Amino acid sequence: MTACESSEAFLHEVCIMQNQGEHRQAIVIAQAVIKTMIPAISRSDDSDGFLGGQIEMAIEVLEHSAKQLPTKEQQSLLSYLIKEVLSGHLEGGG
């Protein structure tokens, strides 16, 4: 199974988790997909938009599930995401 196929399978499971109210677990998996797919997109031909679509879907999962968390957890997630962006871990350049 390729990274693309794996991320697609994980995102399918995340949708099931969200429907079951398991938002914290969905967030963890979405974060893992993003961290995996960003480096992959910098080394791949994404002219069909598949990899970018996987990243976009994972971000949508974060957005939807974060809204279901208590405010304090939302703030922790936001702090984590800001730290990740500022650290350069989410840059896909290559």
PDB file of N, CA and C in Angstrom:
ATOM      1  N   MET A   1       0.856  -1.178   0.000  1.00  0.00           N
ATOM      2  CA  MET A   1       0.000   0.000   0.000  1.00  0.00           C
ATOM      3  C   MET A   1       0.899   1.237   0.000  1.00  0.00           C
ATOM      4  N   THR A   2       0.610   2.171  -0.884  1.00  0.00           N
ATOM      5  CA  THR A   2       1.399   3.398  -0.963  1.00  0.00           C
ATOM      6  C   THR A   2       0.967   4.388   0.111  1.00  0.00           C
ATOM      7  N   ALA A   3       1.782   5.433   0.282  1.00  0.00           N
ATOM      8  CA  ALA A   3       1.430   6.482   1.250  1.00  0.00           C
ATOM      9  C   ALA A   3       0.096   7.112   0.878  1.00  0.00           C
ATOM     10  N   CYS A   4      -0.131   7.297  -0.409  1.00  0.00           N
ATOM     11  CA  CYS A   4      -1.402   7.900  -0.864  1.00  0.00           C
ATOM     12  C   CYS A   4      -2.586   7.012  -0.503  1.00  0.00           C
ATOM     13  N   GLU A   5      -2.438   5.713  -0.762  1.00  0.00           N
ATOM     14  CA  GLU A   5      -3.517   4.786  -0.436  1.00  0.00           C
ATOM     15  C   GLU A   5      -3.748   4.724   1.065  1.00  0.00           C
ATOM     16  N   SER A   6      -2.657   4.754   1.822  1.00  0.00           N
ATOM     17  CA  SER A   6      -2.779   4.729   3.280  1.00  0.00           C
ATOM     18  C   SER A   6      -3.500   5.967   3.795  1.00  0.00           C
ATOM     19  N   SER A   7      -3.106   7.135   3.279  1.00  0.00           N
ATOM     20  CA  SER A   7      -3.746   8.360   3.756  1.00  0.00           C
ATOM     21  C   SER A   7      -5.223   8.366   3.405  1.00  0.00           C
ATOM     22  N   GLU A   8      -5.551   7.857   2.234  1.00  0.00           N
ATOM     23  CA  GLU A   8      -6.955   7.792   1.832  1.00  0.00           C
ATOM     24  C   GLU A   8      -7.736   6.874   2.785  1.00  0.00           C
ATOM     25  N   ALA A   9      -7.144   5.727   3.133  1.00  0.00           N
ATOM     26  CA  ALA A   9      -7.793   4.796   4.060  1.00  0.00           C
ATOM     27  C   ALA A   9      -7.934   5.419   5.448  1.00  0.00           C
ATOM     28  N   PHE A  10      -6.883   6.103   5.909  1.00  0.00           N
ATOM     29  CA  PHE A  10      -6.951   6.755   7.217  1.00  0.00           C
ATOM     30  C   PHE A  10      -8.026   7.831   7.236  1.00  0.00           C
ATOM     31  N   LEU A  11      -8.106   8.615   6.176  1.00  0.00           N
ATOM     32  CA  LEU A  11      -9.113   9.685   6.134  1.00  0.00           C
ATOM     33  C   LEU A  11     -10.528   9.117   6.085  1.00  0.00           C
ATOM     34  N   HIS A  12     -10.690   7.979   5.458  1.00  0.00           N
ATOM     35  CA  HIS A  12     -11.998   7.311   5.475  1.00  0.00           C
ATOM     36  C   HIS A  12     -12.357   6.920   6.906  1.00  0.00           C
ATOM     37  N   GLU A  13     -11.392   6.349   7.630  1.00  0.00           N
ATOM     38  CA  GLU A  13     -11.620   5.975   9.033  1.00  0.00           C
ATOM     39  C   GLU A  13     -11.912   7.196   9.899  1.00  0.00           C
ATOM     40  N   VAL A  14     -11.238   8.303   9.597  1.00  0.00           N
ATOM     41  CA  VAL A  14     -11.452   9.544  10.343  1.00  0.00           C
ATOM     42  C   VAL A  14     -12.894  10.013  10.202  1.00  0.00           C
ATOM     43  N   CYS A  15     -13.443   9.900   9.006  1.00  0.00           N
ATOM     44  CA  CYS A  15     -14.848  10.298   8.803  1.00  0.00           C
ATOM     45  C   CYS A  15     -15.775   9.451   9.663  1.00  0.00           C
ATOM     46  N   ILE A  16     -15.484   8.162   9.758  1.00  0.00           N
ATOM     47  CA  ILE A  16     -16.279   7.277  10.615  1.00  0.00           C
ATOM     48  C   ILE A  16     -16.146   7.717  12.075  1.00  0.00           C
ATOM     49  N   MET A  17     -14.899   8.020  12.492  1.00  0.00           N
ATOM     50  CA  MET A  17     -14.676   8.474  13.868  1.00  0.00           C
ATOM     51  C   MET A  17     -15.453   9.742  14.163  1.00  0.00           C
ATOM     52  N   GLN A  18     -15.423  10.684  13.230  1.00  0.00           N
ATOM     53  CA  GLN A  18     -16.162  11.934  13.438  1.00  0.00           C
ATOM     54  C   GLN A  18     -17.648  11.654  13.602  1.00  0.00           C
ATOM     55  N   ASN A  19     -18.186  10.772  12.784  1.00  0.00           N
ATOM     56  CA  ASN A  19     -19.608  10.436  12.878  1.00  0.00           C
ATOM     57  C   ASN A  19     -19.947   9.779  14.206  1.00  0.00           C
ATOM     58  N   GLN A  20     -18.955   9.146  14.825  1.00  0.00           N
ATOM     59  CA  GLN A  20     -19.154   8.493  16.118  1.00  0.00           C
ATOM     60  C   GLN A  20     -18.792   9.410  17.283  1.00  0.00           C
ATOM     61  N   GLY A  21     -18.411  10.648  16.965  1.00  0.00           N
ATOM     62  CA  GLY A  21     -18.091  11.608  18.012  1.00  0.00           C
ATOM     63  C   GLY A  21     -16.691  11.480  18.576  1.00  0.00           C
ATOM     64  N   GLU A  22     -15.825  10.733  17.909  1.00  0.00           N
ATOM     65  CA  GLU A  22     -14.451  10.523  18.376  1.00  0.00           C
ATOM     66  C   GLU A  22     -13.528  11.585  17.767  1.00  0.00           C
ATOM     67  N   HIS A  23     -13.744  12.823  18.145  1.00  0.00           N
ATOM     68  CA  HIS A  23     -13.065  13.945  17.506  1.00  0.00           C
ATOM     69  C   HIS A  23     -11.589  14.051  17.878  1.00  0.00           C
ATOM     70  N   ARG A  24     -11.239  13.723  19.093  1.00  0.00           N
ATOM     71  CA  ARG A  24      -9.820  13.792  19.480  1.00  0.00           C
ATOM     72  C   ARG A  24      -8.979  12.819  18.659  1.00  0.00           C
ATOM     73  N   GLN A  25      -9.484  11.595  18.485  1.00  0.00           N
ATOM     74  CA  GLN A  25      -8.769  10.602  17.691  1.00  0.00           C
ATOM     75  C   GLN A  25      -8.700  11.032  16.220  1.00  0.00           C
ATOM     76  N   ALA A  26      -9.778  11.612  15.727  1.00  0.00           N
ATOM     77  CA  ALA A  26      -9.795  12.089  14.340  1.00  0.00           C
ATOM     78  C   ALA A  26      -8.733  13.159  14.125  1.00  0.00           C
ATOM     79  N   ILE A  27      -8.571  14.025  15.090  1.00  0.00           N
ATOM     80  CA  ILE A  27      -7.570  15.096  14.998  1.00  0.00           C
ATOM     81  C   ILE A  27      -6.163  14.512  14.948  1.00  0.00           C
ATOM     82  N   VAL A  28      -5.880  13.545  15.776  1.00  0.00           N
ATOM     83  CA  VAL A  28      -4.544  12.936  15.808  1.00  0.00           C
ATOM     84  C   VAL A  28      -4.217  12.307  14.452  1.00  0.00           C
ATOM     85  N   ILE A  29      -5.159  11.594  13.881  1.00  0.00           N
ATOM     86  CA  ILE A  29      -4.919  10.946  12.587  1.00  0.00           C
ATOM     87  C   ILE A  29      -4.786  11.990  11.481  1.00  0.00           C
ATOM     88  N   ALA A  30      -5.622  13.013  11.507  1.00  0.00           N
ATOM     89  CA  ALA A  30      -5.525  14.072  10.498  1.00  0.00           C
ATOM     90  C   ALA A  30      -4.165  14.757  10.566  1.00  0.00           C
ATOM     91  N   GLN A  31      -3.669  14.995  11.768  1.00  0.00           N
ATOM     92  CA  GLN A  31      -2.346  15.602  11.922  1.00  0.00           C
ATOM     93  C   GLN A  31      -1.275  14.693  11.320  1.00  0.00           C
ATOM     94  N   ALA A  32      -1.383  13.400  11.541  1.00  0.00           N
ATOM     95  CA  ALA A  32      -0.406  12.454  10.996  1.00  0.00           C
ATOM     96  C   ALA A  32      -0.454  12.443   9.465  1.00  0.00           C
ATOM     97  N   VAL A  33      -1.649  12.495   8.906  1.00  0.00           N
ATOM     98  CA  VAL A  33      -1.781  12.531   7.449  1.00  0.00           C
ATOM     99  C   VAL A  33      -1.112  13.787   6.892  1.00  0.00           C
ATOM    100  N   ILE A  34      -1.362  14.921   7.517  1.00  0.00           N
ATOM    101  CA  ILE A  34      -0.767  16.177   7.054  1.00  0.00           C
ATOM    102  C   ILE A  34       0.759  16.093   7.125  1.00  0.00           C
ATOM    103  N   LYS A  35       1.280  15.621   8.242  1.00  0.00           N
ATOM    104  CA  LYS A  35       2.739  15.538   8.401  1.00  0.00           C
ATOM    105  C   LYS A  35       3.374  14.565   7.404  1.00  0.00           C
ATOM    106  N   THR A  36       2.632  13.574   6.968  1.00  0.00           N
ATOM    107  CA  THR A  36       3.146  12.608   5.998  1.00  0.00           C
ATOM    108  C   THR A  36       3.020  13.118   4.568  1.00  0.00           C
ATOM    109  N   MET A  37       1.899  13.749   4.261  1.00  0.00           N
ATOM    110  CA  MET A  37       1.622  14.133   2.879  1.00  0.00           C
ATOM    111  C   MET A  37       2.377  15.385   2.441  1.00  0.00           C
ATOM    112  N   ILE A  38       2.666  16.295   3.340  1.00  0.00           N
ATOM    113  CA  ILE A  38       3.377  17.515   2.935  1.00  0.00           C
ATOM    114  C   ILE A  38       4.767  17.186   2.383  1.00  0.00           C
ATOM    115  N   PRO A  39       5.573  16.363   3.051  1.00  0.00           N
ATOM    116  CA  PRO A  39       6.857  16.006   2.431  1.00  0.00           C
ATOM    117  C   PRO A  39       6.670  15.217   1.127  1.00  0.00           C
ATOM    118  N   ALA A  40       5.638  14.374   1.077  1.00  0.00           N
ATOM    119  CA  ALA A  40       5.397  13.577  -0.132  1.00  0.00           C
ATOM    120  C   ALA A  40       5.059  14.462  -1.328  1.00  0.00           C
ATOM    121  N   ILE A  41       4.297  15.514  -1.097  1.00  0.00           N
ATOM    122  CA  ILE A  41       3.885  16.384  -2.205  1.00  0.00           C
ATOM    123  C   ILE A  41       5.083  17.125  -2.793  1.00  0.00           C
ATOM    124  N   SER A  42       6.093  17.387  -1.971  1.00  0.00           N
ATOM    125  CA  SER A  42       7.265  18.106  -2.471  1.00  0.00           C
ATOM    126  C   SER A  42       8.148  17.219  -3.342  1.00  0.00           C
ATOM    127  N   ARG A  43       7.949  15.896  -3.265  1.00  0.00           N
ATOM    128  CA  ARG A  43       8.748  14.956  -4.050  1.00  0.00           C
ATOM    129  C   ARG A  43       7.939  14.289  -5.156  1.00  0.00           C
ATOM    130  N   SER A  44       6.740  14.763  -5.403  1.00  0.00           N
ATOM    131  CA  SER A  44       5.841  14.066  -6.320  1.00  0.00           C
ATOM    132  C   SER A  44       5.240  15.005  -7.351  1.00  0.00           C
ATOM    133  N   ASP A  45       4.737  14.381  -8.403  1.00  0.00           N
ATOM    134  CA  ASP A  45       3.942  15.102  -9.394  1.00  0.00           C
ATOM    135  C   ASP A  45       2.495  15.059  -8.905  1.00  0.00           C
ATOM    136  N   ASP A  46       1.996  16.190  -8.465  1.00  0.00           N
ATOM    137  CA  ASP A  46       0.615  16.242  -7.980  1.00  0.00           C
ATOM    138  C   ASP A  46      -0.275  16.993  -8.961  1.00  0.00           C
ATOM    139  N   SER A  47       0.020  16.820 -10.241  1.00  0.00           N
ATOM    140  CA  SER A  47      -0.762  17.539 -11.244  1.00  0.00           C
ATOM    141  C   SER A  47      -2.230  17.122 -11.242  1.00  0.00           C
ATOM    142  N   ASP A  48      -2.511  15.923 -10.733  1.00  0.00           N
ATOM    143  CA  ASP A  48      -3.916  15.497 -10.632  1.00  0.00           C
ATOM    144  C   ASP A  48      -4.582  16.008  -9.353  1.00  0.00           C
ATOM    145  N   GLY A  49      -3.787  16.594  -8.456  1.00  0.00           N
ATOM    146  CA  GLY A  49      -4.336  17.186  -7.236  1.00  0.00           C
ATOM    147  C   GLY A  49      -4.681  16.207  -6.136  1.00  0.00           C
ATOM    148  N   PHE A  50      -4.308  14.935  -6.299  1.00  0.00           N
ATOM    149  CA  PHE A  50      -4.684  13.939  -5.299  1.00  0.00           C
ATOM    150  C   PHE A  50      -4.041  14.218  -3.948  1.00  0.00           C
ATOM    151  N   LEU A  51      -2.733  14.445  -3.941  1.00  0.00           N
ATOM    152  CA  LEU A  51      -2.039  14.674  -2.665  1.00  0.00           C
ATOM    153  C   LEU A  51      -2.540  15.945  -1.993  1.00  0.00           C
ATOM    154  N   GLY A  52      -2.665  16.999  -2.776  1.00  0.00           N
ATOM    155  CA  GLY A  52      -3.195  18.249  -2.236  1.00  0.00           C
ATOM    156  C   GLY A  52      -4.600  18.071  -1.690  1.00  0.00           C
ATOM    157  N   GLY A  53      -5.384  17.241  -2.365  1.00  0.00           N
ATOM    158  CA  GLY A  53      -6.739  16.955  -1.906  1.00  0.00           C
ATOM    159  C   GLY A  53      -6.752  16.218  -0.580  1.00  0.00           C
ATOM    160  N   GLN A  54      -5.779  15.309  -0.392  1.00  0.00           N
ATOM    161  CA  GLN A  54      -5.672  14.586   0.876  1.00  0.00           C
ATOM    162  C   GLN A  54      -5.330  15.545   2.013  1.00  0.00           C
ATOM    163  N   ILE A  55      -4.416  16.470   1.729  1.00  0.00           N
ATOM    164  CA  ILE A  55      -4.039  17.469   2.739  1.00  0.00           C
ATOM    165  C   ILE A  55      -5.239  18.356   3.050  1.00  0.00           C
ATOM    166  N   GLU A  56      -5.933  18.779   2.023  1.00  0.00           N
ATOM    167  CA  GLU A  56      -7.110  19.625   2.223  1.00  0.00           C
ATOM    168  C   GLU A  56      -8.168  18.900   3.058  1.00  0.00           C
ATOM    169  N   MET A  57      -8.382  17.631   2.760  1.00  0.00           N
ATOM    170  CA  MET A  57      -9.372  16.861   3.521  1.00  0.00           C
ATOM    171  C   MET A  57      -8.955  16.735   4.990  1.00  0.00           C
ATOM    172  N   ALA A  58      -7.671  16.517   5.234  1.00  0.00           N
ATOM    173  CA  ALA A  58      -7.193  16.408   6.616  1.00  0.00           C
ATOM    174  C   ALA A  58      -7.366  17.730   7.361  1.00  0.00           C
ATOM    175  N   ILE A  59      -7.131  18.836   6.667  1.00  0.00           N
ATOM    176  CA  ILE A  59      -7.336  20.148   7.289  1.00  0.00           C
ATOM    177  C   ILE A  59      -8.814  20.358   7.607  1.00  0.00           C
ATOM    178  N   GLU A  60      -9.690  19.913   6.719  1.00  0.00           N
ATOM    179  CA  GLU A  60     -11.127  20.015   6.976  1.00  0.00           C
ATOM    180  C   GLU A  60     -11.527  19.178   8.194  1.00  0.00           C
ATOM    181  N   VAL A  61     -10.895  18.026   8.348  1.00  0.00           N
ATOM    182  CA  VAL A  61     -11.143  17.192   9.533  1.00  0.00           C
ATOM    183  C   VAL A  61     -10.744  17.959  10.792  1.00  0.00           C
ATOM    184  N   LEU A  62      -9.541  18.570  10.758  1.00  0.00           N
ATOM    185  CA  LEU A  62      -9.098  19.364  11.913  1.00  0.00           C
ATOM    186  C   LEU A  62     -10.102  20.456  12.234  1.00  0.00           C
ATOM    187  N   GLU A  63     -10.536  21.157  11.200  1.00  0.00           N
ATOM    188  CA  GLU A  63     -11.474  22.266  11.409  1.00  0.00           C
ATOM    189  C   GLU A  63     -12.783  21.772  12.021  1.00  0.00           C
ATOM    190  N   HIS A  64     -13.350  20.734  11.449  1.00  0.00           N
ATOM    191  CA  HIS A  64     -14.644  20.238  11.939  1.00  0.00           C
ATOM    192  C   HIS A  64     -14.523  19.669  13.353  1.00  0.00           C
ATOM    193  N   SER A  65     -13.516  18.824  13.558  1.00  0.00           N
ATOM    194  CA  SER A  65     -13.391  18.185  14.873  1.00  0.00           C
ATOM    195  C   SER A  65     -13.000  19.171  15.955  1.00  0.00           C
ATOM    196  N   ALA A  66     -12.173  20.153  15.614  1.00  0.00           N
ATOM    197  CA  ALA A  66     -11.769  21.153  16.608  1.00  0.00           C
ATOM    198  C   ALA A  66     -12.983  21.907  17.148  1.00  0.00           C
ATOM    199  N   LYS A  67     -13.957  22.137  16.292  1.00  0.00           N
ATOM    200  CA  LYS A  67     -15.167  22.854  16.714  1.00  0.00           C
ATOM    201  C   LYS A  67     -15.965  22.058  17.745  1.00  0.00           C
ATOM    202  N   GLN A  68     -15.712  20.761  17.820  1.00  0.00           N
ATOM    203  CA  GLN A  68     -16.451  19.905  18.749  1.00  0.00           C
ATOM    204  C   GLN A  68     -15.759  19.791  20.113  1.00  0.00           C
ATOM    205  N   LEU A  69     -14.554  20.334  20.207  1.00  0.00           N
ATOM    206  CA  LEU A  69     -13.782  20.247  21.454  1.00  0.00           C
ATOM    207  C   LEU A  69     -14.113  21.412  22.387  1.00  0.00           C
ATOM    208  N   PRO A  70     -13.864  21.229  23.676  1.00  0.00           N
ATOM    209  CA  PRO A  70     -13.993  22.350  24.612  1.00  0.00           C
ATOM    210  C   PRO A  70     -12.996  23.455  24.236  1.00  0.00           C
ATOM    211  N   THR A  71     -13.297  24.669  24.624  1.00  0.00           N
ATOM    212  CA  THR A  71     -12.483  25.830  24.267  1.00  0.00           C
ATOM    213  C   THR A  71     -11.020  25.652  24.635  1.00  0.00           C
ATOM    214  N   LYS A  72     -10.749  25.117  25.814  1.00  0.00           N
ATOM    215  CA  LYS A  72      -9.362  24.946  26.248  1.00  0.00           C
ATOM    216  C   LYS A  72      -8.601  24.019  25.301  1.00  0.00           C
ATOM    217  N   GLU A  73      -9.232  22.949  24.858  1.00  0.00           N
ATOM    218  CA  GLU A  73      -8.587  22.024  23.922  1.00  0.00           C
ATOM    219  C   GLU A  73      -8.440  22.664  22.537  1.00  0.00           C
ATOM    220  N   GLN A  74      -9.400  23.481  22.143  1.00  0.00           N
ATOM    221  CA  GLN A  74      -9.279  24.205  20.879  1.00  0.00           C
ATOM    222  C   GLN A  74      -8.053  25.114  20.918  1.00  0.00           C
ATOM    223  N   GLN A  75      -7.867  25.785  22.042  1.00  0.00           N
ATOM    224  CA  GLN A  75      -6.722  26.689  22.190  1.00  0.00           C
ATOM    225  C   GLN A  75      -5.409  25.911  22.161  1.00  0.00           C
ATOM    226  N   SER A  76      -5.379  24.741  22.779  1.00  0.00           N
ATOM    227  CA  SER A  76      -4.170  23.896  22.758  1.00  0.00           C
ATOM    228  C   SER A  76      -3.856  23.445  21.339  1.00  0.00           C
ATOM    229  N   LEU A  77      -4.878  23.046  20.603  1.00  0.00           N
ATOM    230  CA  LEU A  77      -4.685  22.622  19.216  1.00  0.00           C
ATOM    231  C   LEU A  77      -4.175  23.778  18.370  1.00  0.00           C
ATOM    232  N   LEU A  78      -4.751  24.936  18.542  1.00  0.00           N
ATOM    233  CA  LEU A  78      -4.315  26.110  17.792  1.00  0.00           C
ATOM    234  C   LEU A  78      -2.864  26.448  18.116  1.00  0.00           C
ATOM    235  N   SER A  79      -2.498  26.397  19.387  1.00  0.00           N
ATOM    236  CA  SER A  79      -1.110  26.659  19.789  1.00  0.00           C
ATOM    237  C   SER A  79      -0.164  25.655  19.145  1.00  0.00           C
ATOM    238  N   TYR A  80      -0.549  24.386  19.150  1.00  0.00           N
ATOM    239  CA  TYR A  80       0.264  23.344  18.527  1.00  0.00           C
ATOM    240  C   TYR A  80       0.439  23.618  17.026  1.00  0.00           C
ATOM    241  N   LEU A  81      -0.654  23.937  16.343  1.00  0.00           N
ATOM    242  CA  LEU A  81      -0.582  24.176  14.901  1.00  0.00           C
ATOM    243  C   LEU A  81       0.274  25.391  14.581  1.00  0.00           C
ATOM    244  N   ILE A  82       0.147  26.439  15.374  1.00  0.00           N
ATOM    245  CA  ILE A  82       0.980  27.629  15.162  1.00  0.00           C
ATOM    246  C   ILE A  82       2.447  27.277  15.354  1.00  0.00           C
ATOM    247  N   LYS A  83       2.744  26.502  16.392  1.00  0.00           N
ATOM    248  CA  LYS A  83       4.128  26.086  16.645  1.00  0.00           C
ATOM    249  C   LYS A  83       4.666  25.265  15.468  1.00  0.00           C
ATOM    250  N   GLU A  84       3.852  24.371  14.924  1.00  0.00           N
ATOM    251  CA  GLU A  84       4.268  23.554  13.784  1.00  0.00           C
ATOM    252  C   GLU A  84       4.558  24.416  12.556  1.00  0.00           C
ATOM    253  N   VAL A  85       3.683  25.359  12.287  1.00  0.00           N
ATOM    254  CA  VAL A  85       3.880  26.232  11.131  1.00  0.00           C
ATOM    255  C   VAL A  85       5.162  27.052  11.295  1.00  0.00           C
ATOM    256  N   LEU A  86       5.349  27.624  12.457  1.00  0.00           N
ATOM    257  CA  LEU A  86       6.524  28.460  12.701  1.00  0.00           C
ATOM    258  C   LEU A  86       7.827  27.660  12.701  1.00  0.00           C
ATOM    259  N   SER A  87       7.746  26.378  13.056  1.00  0.00           N
ATOM    260  CA  SER A  87       8.943  25.541  13.097  1.00  0.00           C
ATOM    261  C   SER A  87       9.405  25.134  11.703  1.00  0.00           C
ATOM    262  N   GLY A  88       8.530  25.255  10.718  1.00  0.00           N
ATOM    263  CA  GLY A  88       8.880  24.849   9.361  1.00  0.00           C
ATOM    264  C   GLY A  88       8.579  23.383   9.067  1.00  0.00           C
ATOM    265  N   HIS A  89       8.061  22.653  10.048  1.00  0.00           N
ATOM    266  CA  HIS A  89       7.753  21.233   9.845  1.00  0.00           C
ATOM    267  C   HIS A  89       6.675  21.014   8.785  1.00  0.00           C
ATOM    268  N   LEU A  90       5.864  22.008   8.523  1.00  0.00           N
ATOM    269  CA  LEU A  90       4.768  21.830   7.578  1.00  0.00           C
ATOM    270  C   LEU A  90       5.067  22.452   6.214  1.00  0.00           C
ATOM    271  N   GLU A  91       6.340  22.731   5.961  1.00  0.00           N
ATOM    272  CA  GLU A  91       6.711  23.270   4.660  1.00  0.00           C
ATOM    273  C   GLU A  91       6.975  22.124   3.709  1.00  0.00           C
ATOM    274  N   GLY A  92       6.502  22.270   2.504  1.00  0.00           N
ATOM    275  CA  GLY A  92       6.659  21.211   1.517  1.00  0.00           C
ATOM    276  C   GLY A  92       7.719  21.492   0.480  1.00  0.00           C
ATOM    277  N   GLY A  93       8.478  22.538   0.659  1.00  0.00           N
ATOM    278  CA  GLY A  93       9.479  22.889  -0.349  1.00  0.00           C
ATOM    279  C   GLY A  93      10.513  21.800  -0.537  1.00  0.00           C
ATOM    280  N   GLY A  94      10.982  21.709  -1.754  1.00  0.00           N
ATOM    281  CA  GLY A  94      11.978  20.688  -1.972  1.00  0.00           C
ATOM    282  C   GLY A  94      12.572  20.730  -3.332  1.00  0.00           C
TER     283      GLY A  94
END
